[in-house]
């Protein structure tokens, strides 16, 4: 059983402005073969998983117990300030 989960924060979306939002946190899916080639598999704005150059992201590893709270926060509507 995994004790940690990985997420990726987009730091560069050049060429993919519709698929990747800067500073957004994305779920990382394990893909050891892709990672050997410098790629990362994430679930992007389309809701599907795709490979991107890992240099576009900063990867964050968190305990699984905290990952559940992070996933819930990622799905919650964002409040706007007036």
PDB file of N, CA and C in Angstrom:
ATOM      1  N   UNK A   1       0.843  -1.174   0.000  1.00  0.00           N
ATOM      2  CA  UNK A   1       0.000   0.000   0.000  1.00  0.00           C
ATOM      3  C   UNK A   1       0.894   1.245   0.000  1.00  0.00           C
ATOM      4  N   UNK A   2       0.547   2.217  -0.838  1.00  0.00           N
ATOM      5  CA  UNK A   2       1.315   3.453  -0.921  1.00  0.00           C
ATOM      6  C   UNK A   2       1.080   4.300   0.317  1.00  0.00           C
ATOM      7  N   UNK A   3       2.137   4.942   0.782  1.00  0.00           N
ATOM      8  CA  UNK A   3       2.015   5.839   1.928  1.00  0.00           C
ATOM      9  C   UNK A   3       2.146   7.293   1.510  1.00  0.00           C
ATOM     10  N   UNK A   4       2.519   7.510   0.236  1.00  0.00           N
ATOM     11  CA  UNK A   4       2.675   8.866  -0.277  1.00  0.00           C
ATOM     12  C   UNK A   4       1.966   9.004  -1.619  1.00  0.00           C
ATOM     13  N   UNK A   5       1.567  10.229  -1.924  1.00  0.00           N
ATOM     14  CA  UNK A   5       0.942  10.553  -3.212  1.00  0.00           C
ATOM     15  C   UNK A   5       1.714  11.715  -3.817  1.00  0.00           C
ATOM     16  N   UNK A   6       1.732  11.769  -5.149  1.00  0.00           N
ATOM     17  CA  UNK A   6       2.462  12.842  -5.834  1.00  0.00           C
ATOM     18  C   UNK A   6       1.510  13.758  -6.577  1.00  0.00           C
ATOM     19  N   UNK A   7       1.833  15.047  -6.506  1.00  0.00           N
ATOM     20  CA  UNK A   7       1.108  16.077  -7.224  1.00  0.00           C
ATOM     21  C   UNK A   7       2.136  16.930  -7.955  1.00  0.00           C
ATOM     22  N   UNK A   8       1.691  17.645  -8.978  1.00  0.00           N
ATOM     23  CA  UNK A   8       2.601  18.493  -9.746  1.00  0.00           C
ATOM     24  C   UNK A   8       2.003  19.883  -9.875  1.00  0.00           C
ATOM     25  N   UNK A   9       2.823  20.892  -9.606  1.00  0.00           N
ATOM     26  CA  UNK A   9       2.420  22.285  -9.758  1.00  0.00           C
ATOM     27  C   UNK A   9       2.981  22.767 -11.088  1.00  0.00           C
ATOM     28  N   UNK A  10       2.110  23.268 -11.961  1.00  0.00           N
ATOM     29  CA  UNK A  10       2.543  23.750 -13.272  1.00  0.00           C
ATOM     30  C   UNK A  10       3.294  25.068 -13.114  1.00  0.00           C
ATOM     31  N   UNK A  11       4.529  25.104 -13.629  1.00  0.00           N
ATOM     32  CA  UNK A  11       5.338  26.328 -13.577  1.00  0.00           C
ATOM     33  C   UNK A  11       5.651  26.857 -14.976  1.00  0.00           C
ATOM     34  N   UNK A  12       5.239  26.109 -16.003  1.00  0.00           N
ATOM     35  CA  UNK A  12       5.482  26.541 -17.386  1.00  0.00           C
ATOM     36  C   UNK A  12       4.429  25.892 -18.291  1.00  0.00           C
ATOM     37  N   UNK A  13       3.594  26.719 -18.936  1.00  0.00           N
ATOM     38  CA  UNK A  13       2.555  26.165 -19.803  1.00  0.00           C
ATOM     39  C   UNK A  13       2.705  26.600 -21.262  1.00  0.00           C
ATOM     40  N   UNK A  14       3.881  27.099 -21.633  1.00  0.00           N
ATOM     41  CA  UNK A  14       4.139  27.545 -23.002  1.00  0.00           C
ATOM     42  C   UNK A  14       3.760  26.447 -24.002  1.00  0.00           C
ATOM     43  N   UNK A  15       2.905  26.814 -24.960  1.00  0.00           N
ATOM     44  CA  UNK A  15       2.461  25.860 -25.969  1.00  0.00           C
ATOM     45  C   UNK A  15       1.237  25.054 -25.570  1.00  0.00           C
ATOM     46  N   UNK A  16       0.850  25.121 -24.295  1.00  0.00           N
ATOM     47  CA  UNK A  16      -0.302  24.366 -23.801  1.00  0.00           C
ATOM     48  C   UNK A  16      -1.205  25.219 -22.909  1.00  0.00           C
ATOM     49  N   UNK A  17      -1.543  26.457 -23.311  1.00  0.00           N
ATOM     50  CA  UNK A  17      -2.307  27.329 -22.415  1.00  0.00           C
ATOM     51  C   UNK A  17      -3.716  26.832 -22.095  1.00  0.00           C
ATOM     52  N   UNK A  18      -4.280  26.001 -22.953  1.00  0.00           N
ATOM     53  CA  UNK A  18      -5.625  25.475 -22.700  1.00  0.00           C
ATOM     54  C   UNK A  18      -5.556  24.224 -21.825  1.00  0.00           C
ATOM     55  N   UNK A  19      -4.516  23.429 -21.997  1.00  0.00           N
ATOM     56  CA  UNK A  19      -4.385  22.163 -21.285  1.00  0.00           C
ATOM     57  C   UNK A  19      -3.782  22.301 -19.895  1.00  0.00           C
ATOM     58  N   UNK A  20      -2.919  23.321 -19.708  1.00  0.00           N
ATOM     59  CA  UNK A  20      -2.214  23.494 -18.434  1.00  0.00           C
ATOM     60  C   UNK A  20      -2.387  24.918 -17.927  1.00  0.00           C
ATOM     61  N   UNK A  21      -2.749  25.055 -16.652  1.00  0.00           N
ATOM     62  CA  UNK A  21      -2.874  26.361 -16.024  1.00  0.00           C
ATOM     63  C   UNK A  21      -1.678  26.587 -15.104  1.00  0.00           C
ATOM     64  N   UNK A  22      -1.042  27.735 -15.250  1.00  0.00           N
ATOM     65  CA  UNK A  22       0.085  28.060 -14.373  1.00  0.00           C
ATOM     66  C   UNK A  22      -0.341  28.041 -12.911  1.00  0.00           C
ATOM     67  N   UNK A  23       0.526  27.545 -12.058  1.00  0.00           N
ATOM     68  CA  UNK A  23       0.343  27.475 -10.600  1.00  0.00           C
ATOM     69  C   UNK A  23      -0.770  26.531 -10.169  1.00  0.00           C
ATOM     70  N   UNK A  24      -1.356  25.788 -11.078  1.00  0.00           N
ATOM     71  CA  UNK A  24      -2.390  24.831 -10.708  1.00  0.00           C
ATOM     72  C   UNK A  24      -1.742  23.521 -10.278  1.00  0.00           C
ATOM     73  N   UNK A  25      -2.370  22.836  -9.333  1.00  0.00           N
ATOM     74  CA  UNK A  25      -1.894  21.554  -8.839  1.00  0.00           C
ATOM     75  C   UNK A  25      -2.611  20.443  -9.603  1.00  0.00           C
ATOM     76  N   UNK A  26      -1.829  19.519 -10.158  1.00  0.00           N
ATOM     77  CA  UNK A  26      -2.365  18.393 -10.927  1.00  0.00           C
ATOM     78  C   UNK A  26      -1.998  17.075 -10.268  1.00  0.00           C
ATOM     79  N   UNK A  27      -2.843  16.090 -10.440  1.00  0.00           N
ATOM     80  CA  UNK A  27      -2.569  14.746  -9.956  1.00  0.00           C
ATOM     81  C   UNK A  27      -1.553  14.075 -10.877  1.00  0.00           C
ATOM     82  N   UNK A  28      -0.551  13.431 -10.282  1.00  0.00           N
ATOM     83  CA  UNK A  28       0.470  12.698 -11.040  1.00  0.00           C
ATOM     84  C   UNK A  28       0.106  11.220 -11.042  1.00  0.00           C
ATOM     85  N   UNK A  29       0.139  10.606 -12.213  1.00  0.00           N
ATOM     86  CA  UNK A  29      -0.066   9.169 -12.340  1.00  0.00           C
ATOM     87  C   UNK A  29       1.294   8.504 -12.544  1.00  0.00           C
ATOM     88  N   UNK A  30       1.511   7.389 -11.871  1.00  0.00           N
ATOM     89  CA  UNK A  30       2.783   6.680 -12.004  1.00  0.00           C
ATOM     90  C   UNK A  30       2.979   6.173 -13.427  1.00  0.00           C
ATOM     91  N   UNK A  31       4.144   6.475 -13.987  1.00  0.00           N
ATOM     92  CA  UNK A  31       4.530   5.991 -15.308  1.00  0.00           C
ATOM     93  C   UNK A  31       6.060   5.951 -15.346  1.00  0.00           C
ATOM     94  N   UNK A  32       6.653   4.901 -14.750  1.00  0.00           N
ATOM     95  CA  UNK A  32       8.112   4.813 -14.648  1.00  0.00           C
ATOM     96  C   UNK A  32       8.828   4.910 -15.994  1.00  0.00           C
ATOM     97  N   UNK A  33       8.270   4.340 -17.048  1.00  0.00           N
ATOM     98  CA  UNK A  33       8.910   4.402 -18.368  1.00  0.00           C
ATOM     99  C   UNK A  33       8.987   5.843 -18.858  1.00  0.00           C
ATOM    100  N   UNK A  34       7.905   6.587 -18.705  1.00  0.00           N
ATOM    101  CA  UNK A  34       7.886   7.985 -19.136  1.00  0.00           C
ATOM    102  C   UNK A  34       8.866   8.814 -18.307  1.00  0.00           C
ATOM    103  N   UNK A  35       8.908   8.543 -17.009  1.00  0.00           N
ATOM    104  CA  UNK A  35       9.787   9.309 -16.133  1.00  0.00           C
ATOM    105  C   UNK A  35      11.258   9.088 -16.473  1.00  0.00           C
ATOM    106  N   UNK A  36      11.604   7.911 -16.968  1.00  0.00           N
ATOM    107  CA  UNK A  36      12.978   7.653 -17.406  1.00  0.00           C
ATOM    108  C   UNK A  36      13.344   8.534 -18.596  1.00  0.00           C
ATOM    109  N   UNK A  37      12.333   8.957 -19.356  1.00  0.00           N
ATOM    110  CA  UNK A  37      12.543   9.815 -20.525  1.00  0.00           C
ATOM    111  C   UNK A  37      12.321  11.295 -20.211  1.00  0.00           C
ATOM    112  N   UNK A  38      12.210  11.650 -18.916  1.00  0.00           N
ATOM    113  CA  UNK A  38      12.041  13.046 -18.529  1.00  0.00           C
ATOM    114  C   UNK A  38      10.622  13.563 -18.696  1.00  0.00           C
ATOM    115  N   UNK A  39       9.662  12.664 -18.741  1.00  0.00           N
ATOM    116  CA  UNK A  39       8.261  13.045 -18.908  1.00  0.00           C
ATOM    117  C   UNK A  39       7.500  12.749 -17.612  1.00  0.00           C
ATOM    118  N   UNK A  40       6.324  13.365 -17.494  1.00  0.00           N
ATOM    119  CA  UNK A  40       5.449  13.123 -16.350  1.00  0.00           C
ATOM    120  C   UNK A  40       4.025  12.966 -16.869  1.00  0.00           C
ATOM    121  N   UNK A  41       3.294  12.020 -16.302  1.00  0.00           N
ATOM    122  CA  UNK A  41       1.899  11.782 -16.715  1.00  0.00           C
ATOM    123  C   UNK A  41       0.986  12.441 -15.687  1.00  0.00           C
ATOM    124  N   UNK A  42       0.195  13.400 -16.162  1.00  0.00           N
ATOM    125  CA  UNK A  42      -0.748  14.084 -15.281  1.00  0.00           C
ATOM    126  C   UNK A  42      -2.143  14.072 -15.900  1.00  0.00           C
ATOM    127  N   UNK A  43      -3.132  14.329 -15.056  1.00  0.00           N
ATOM    128  CA  UNK A  43      -4.505  14.525 -15.526  1.00  0.00           C
ATOM    129  C   UNK A  43      -4.645  16.025 -15.742  1.00  0.00           C
ATOM    130  N   UNK A  44      -4.772  16.436 -17.015  1.00  0.00           N
ATOM    131  CA  UNK A  44      -4.794  17.868 -17.334  1.00  0.00           C
ATOM    132  C   UNK A  44      -6.213  18.426 -17.375  1.00  0.00           C
ATOM    133  N   UNK A  45      -6.371  19.627 -17.922  1.00  0.00           N
ATOM    134  CA  UNK A  45      -7.668  20.310 -17.954  1.00  0.00           C
ATOM    135  C   UNK A  45      -8.733  19.564 -18.759  1.00  0.00           C
ATOM    136  N   UNK A  46      -8.318  18.670 -19.642  1.00  0.00           N
ATOM    137  CA  UNK A  46      -9.288  17.893 -20.425  1.00  0.00           C
ATOM    138  C   UNK A  46      -9.928  16.789 -19.587  1.00  0.00           C
ATOM    139  N   UNK A  47      -9.322  16.501 -18.424  1.00  0.00           N
ATOM    140  CA  UNK A  47      -9.809  15.412 -17.584  1.00  0.00           C
ATOM    141  C   UNK A  47      -9.174  14.084 -17.946  1.00  0.00           C
ATOM    142  N   UNK A  48      -8.326  14.086 -18.955  1.00  0.00           N
ATOM    143  CA  UNK A  48      -7.625  12.876 -19.396  1.00  0.00           C
ATOM    144  C   UNK A  48      -6.168  12.959 -18.967  1.00  0.00           C
ATOM    145  N   UNK A  49      -5.493  11.800 -18.948  1.00  0.00           N
ATOM    146  CA  UNK A  49      -4.071  11.824 -18.598  1.00  0.00           C
ATOM    147  C   UNK A  49      -3.220  11.895 -19.856  1.00  0.00           C
ATOM    148  N   UNK A  50      -2.200  12.751 -19.785  1.00  0.00           N
ATOM    149  CA  UNK A  50      -1.273  12.960 -20.896  1.00  0.00           C
ATOM    150  C   UNK A  50       0.141  13.089 -20.362  1.00  0.00           C
ATOM    151  N   UNK A  51       1.095  12.872 -21.248  1.00  0.00           N
ATOM    152  CA  UNK A  51       2.501  13.055 -20.900  1.00  0.00           C
ATOM    153  C   UNK A  51       2.946  14.467 -21.234  1.00  0.00           C
ATOM    154  N   UNK A  52       3.705  15.065 -20.321  1.00  0.00           N
ATOM    155  CA  UNK A  52       4.300  16.377 -20.531  1.00  0.00           C
ATOM    156  C   UNK A  52       5.748  16.317 -20.076  1.00  0.00           C
ATOM    157  N   UNK A  53       6.545  17.239 -20.587  1.00  0.00           N
ATOM    158  CA  UNK A  53       7.926  17.375 -20.140  1.00  0.00           C
ATOM    159  C   UNK A  53       7.906  17.705 -18.650  1.00  0.00           C
ATOM    160  N   UNK A  54       8.657  16.968 -17.863  1.00  0.00           N
ATOM    161  CA  UNK A  54       8.632  17.175 -16.415  1.00  0.00           C
ATOM    162  C   UNK A  54       9.161  18.550 -16.007  1.00  0.00           C
ATOM    163  N   UNK A  55       9.904  19.232 -16.889  1.00  0.00           N
ATOM    164  CA  UNK A  55      10.421  20.568 -16.579  1.00  0.00           C
ATOM    165  C   UNK A  55       9.296  21.602 -16.464  1.00  0.00           C
ATOM    166  N   UNK A  56       8.097  21.254 -16.870  1.00  0.00           N
ATOM    167  CA  UNK A  56       6.948  22.162 -16.770  1.00  0.00           C
ATOM    168  C   UNK A  56       6.347  22.181 -15.367  1.00  0.00           C
ATOM    169  N   UNK A  57       6.822  21.298 -14.492  1.00  0.00           N
ATOM    170  CA  UNK A  57       6.199  21.097 -13.183  1.00  0.00           C
ATOM    171  C   UNK A  57       7.210  21.019 -12.057  1.00  0.00           C
ATOM    172  N   UNK A  58       6.738  21.345 -10.868  1.00  0.00           N
ATOM    173  CA  UNK A  58       7.445  21.040  -9.628  1.00  0.00           C
ATOM    174  C   UNK A  58       6.616  19.950  -8.962  1.00  0.00           C
ATOM    175  N   UNK A  59       7.235  18.805  -8.694  1.00  0.00           N
ATOM    176  CA  UNK A  59       6.514  17.674  -8.105  1.00  0.00           C
ATOM    177  C   UNK A  59       6.586  17.758  -6.590  1.00  0.00           C
ATOM    178  N   UNK A  60       5.432  17.536  -5.955  1.00  0.00           N
ATOM    179  CA  UNK A  60       5.305  17.570  -4.504  1.00  0.00           C
ATOM    180  C   UNK A  60       4.804  16.209  -4.044  1.00  0.00           C
ATOM    181  N   UNK A  61       5.461  15.648  -3.047  1.00  0.00           N
ATOM    182  CA  UNK A  61       5.053  14.367  -2.474  1.00  0.00           C
ATOM    183  C   UNK A  61       4.466  14.616  -1.094  1.00  0.00           C
ATOM    184  N   UNK A  62       3.272  14.068  -0.864  1.00  0.00           N
ATOM    185  CA  UNK A  62       2.596  14.269   0.425  1.00  0.00           C
ATOM    186  C   UNK A  62       2.126  12.925   0.960  1.00  0.00           C
ATOM    187  N   UNK A  63       1.972  12.803   2.277  1.00  0.00           N
ATOM    188  CA  UNK A  63       1.410  11.572   2.837  1.00  0.00           C
ATOM    189  C   UNK A  63      -0.001  11.359   2.292  1.00  0.00           C
ATOM    190  N   UNK A  64      -0.362  10.110   2.078  1.00  0.00           N
ATOM    191  CA  UNK A  64      -1.683   9.781   1.517  1.00  0.00           C
ATOM    192  C   UNK A  64      -2.803  10.396   2.344  1.00  0.00           C
ATOM    193  N   UNK A  65      -2.657  10.407   3.649  1.00  0.00           N
ATOM    194  CA  UNK A  65      -3.703  10.967   4.503  1.00  0.00           C
ATOM    195  C   UNK A  65      -3.928  12.447   4.182  1.00  0.00           C
ATOM    196  N   UNK A  66      -2.880  13.180   3.842  1.00  0.00           N
ATOM    197  CA  UNK A  66      -3.024  14.588   3.456  1.00  0.00           C
ATOM    198  C   UNK A  66      -3.470  14.730   2.003  1.00  0.00           C
ATOM    199  N   UNK A  67      -3.170  13.752   1.179  1.00  0.00           N
ATOM    200  CA  UNK A  67      -3.548  13.800  -0.237  1.00  0.00           C
ATOM    201  C   UNK A  67      -5.061  13.851  -0.391  1.00  0.00           C
ATOM    202  N   UNK A  68      -5.779  13.163   0.462  1.00  0.00           N
ATOM    203  CA  UNK A  68      -7.238  13.178   0.377  1.00  0.00           C
ATOM    204  C   UNK A  68      -7.775  14.598   0.592  1.00  0.00           C
ATOM    205  N   UNK A  69      -7.228  15.305   1.552  1.00  0.00           N
ATOM    206  CA  UNK A  69      -7.658  16.689   1.805  1.00  0.00           C
ATOM    207  C   UNK A  69      -7.279  17.585   0.630  1.00  0.00           C
ATOM    208  N   UNK A  70      -6.098  17.362   0.062  1.00  0.00           N
ATOM    209  CA  UNK A  70      -5.666  18.160  -1.090  1.00  0.00           C
ATOM    210  C   UNK A  70      -6.573  17.913  -2.288  1.00  0.00           C
ATOM    211  N   UNK A  71      -6.931  16.670  -2.550  1.00  0.00           N
ATOM    212  CA  UNK A  71      -7.834  16.354  -3.662  1.00  0.00           C
ATOM    213  C   UNK A  71      -9.192  17.019  -3.473  1.00  0.00           C
ATOM    214  N   UNK A  72      -9.707  16.993  -2.263  1.00  0.00           N
ATOM    215  CA  UNK A  72     -10.990  17.652  -1.993  1.00  0.00           C
ATOM    216  C   UNK A  72     -10.887  19.151  -2.239  1.00  0.00           C
ATOM    217  N   UNK A  73      -9.792  19.762  -1.814  1.00  0.00           N
ATOM    218  CA  UNK A  73      -9.605  21.200  -2.005  1.00  0.00           C
ATOM    219  C   UNK A  73      -9.482  21.544  -3.485  1.00  0.00           C
ATOM    220  N   UNK A  74      -8.858  20.657  -4.263  1.00  0.00           N
ATOM    221  CA  UNK A  74      -8.700  20.901  -5.696  1.00  0.00           C
ATOM    222  C   UNK A  74     -10.046  20.876  -6.415  1.00  0.00           C
ATOM    223  N   UNK A  75     -11.003  20.125  -5.881  1.00  0.00           N
ATOM    224  CA  UNK A  75     -12.310  19.993  -6.526  1.00  0.00           C
ATOM    225  C   UNK A  75     -13.318  21.017  -6.036  1.00  0.00           C
ATOM    226  N   UNK A  76     -13.016  21.704  -4.932  1.00  0.00           N
ATOM    227  CA  UNK A  76     -13.949  22.678  -4.369  1.00  0.00           C
ATOM    228  C   UNK A  76     -13.993  23.927  -5.228  1.00  0.00           C
ATOM    229  N   UNK A  77     -15.163  24.560  -5.317  1.00  0.00           N
ATOM    230  CA  UNK A  77     -15.254  25.817  -6.078  1.00  0.00           C
ATOM    231  C   UNK A  77     -14.363  26.882  -5.452  1.00  0.00           C
ATOM    232  N   UNK A  78     -13.802  27.725  -6.267  1.00  0.00           N
ATOM    233  CA  UNK A  78     -12.936  28.788  -5.787  1.00  0.00           C
ATOM    234  C   UNK A  78     -13.775  30.029  -5.495  1.00  0.00           C
ATOM    235  N   UNK A  79     -13.620  30.570  -4.305  1.00  0.00           N
ATOM    236  CA  UNK A  79     -14.348  31.783  -3.929  1.00  0.00           C
ATOM    237  C   UNK A  79     -13.671  32.988  -4.575  1.00  0.00           C
ATOM    238  N   UNK A  80     -14.467  33.911  -5.038  1.00  0.00           N
ATOM    239  CA  UNK A  80     -13.911  35.137  -5.609  1.00  0.00           C
ATOM    240  C   UNK A  80     -14.096  36.268  -4.625  1.00  0.00           C
ATOM    241  N   UNK A  81     -13.113  37.166  -4.567  1.00  0.00           N
ATOM    242  CA  UNK A  81     -13.171  38.308  -3.669  1.00  0.00           C
ATOM    243  C   UNK A  81     -13.680  39.520  -4.435  1.00  0.00           C
ATOM    244  N   UNK A  82     -14.469  40.324  -3.779  1.00  0.00           N
ATOM    245  CA  UNK A  82     -15.012  41.532  -4.409  1.00  0.00           C
ATOM    246  C   UNK A  82     -14.382  42.750  -3.821  1.00  0.00           C
TER     247      UNK A  82
END
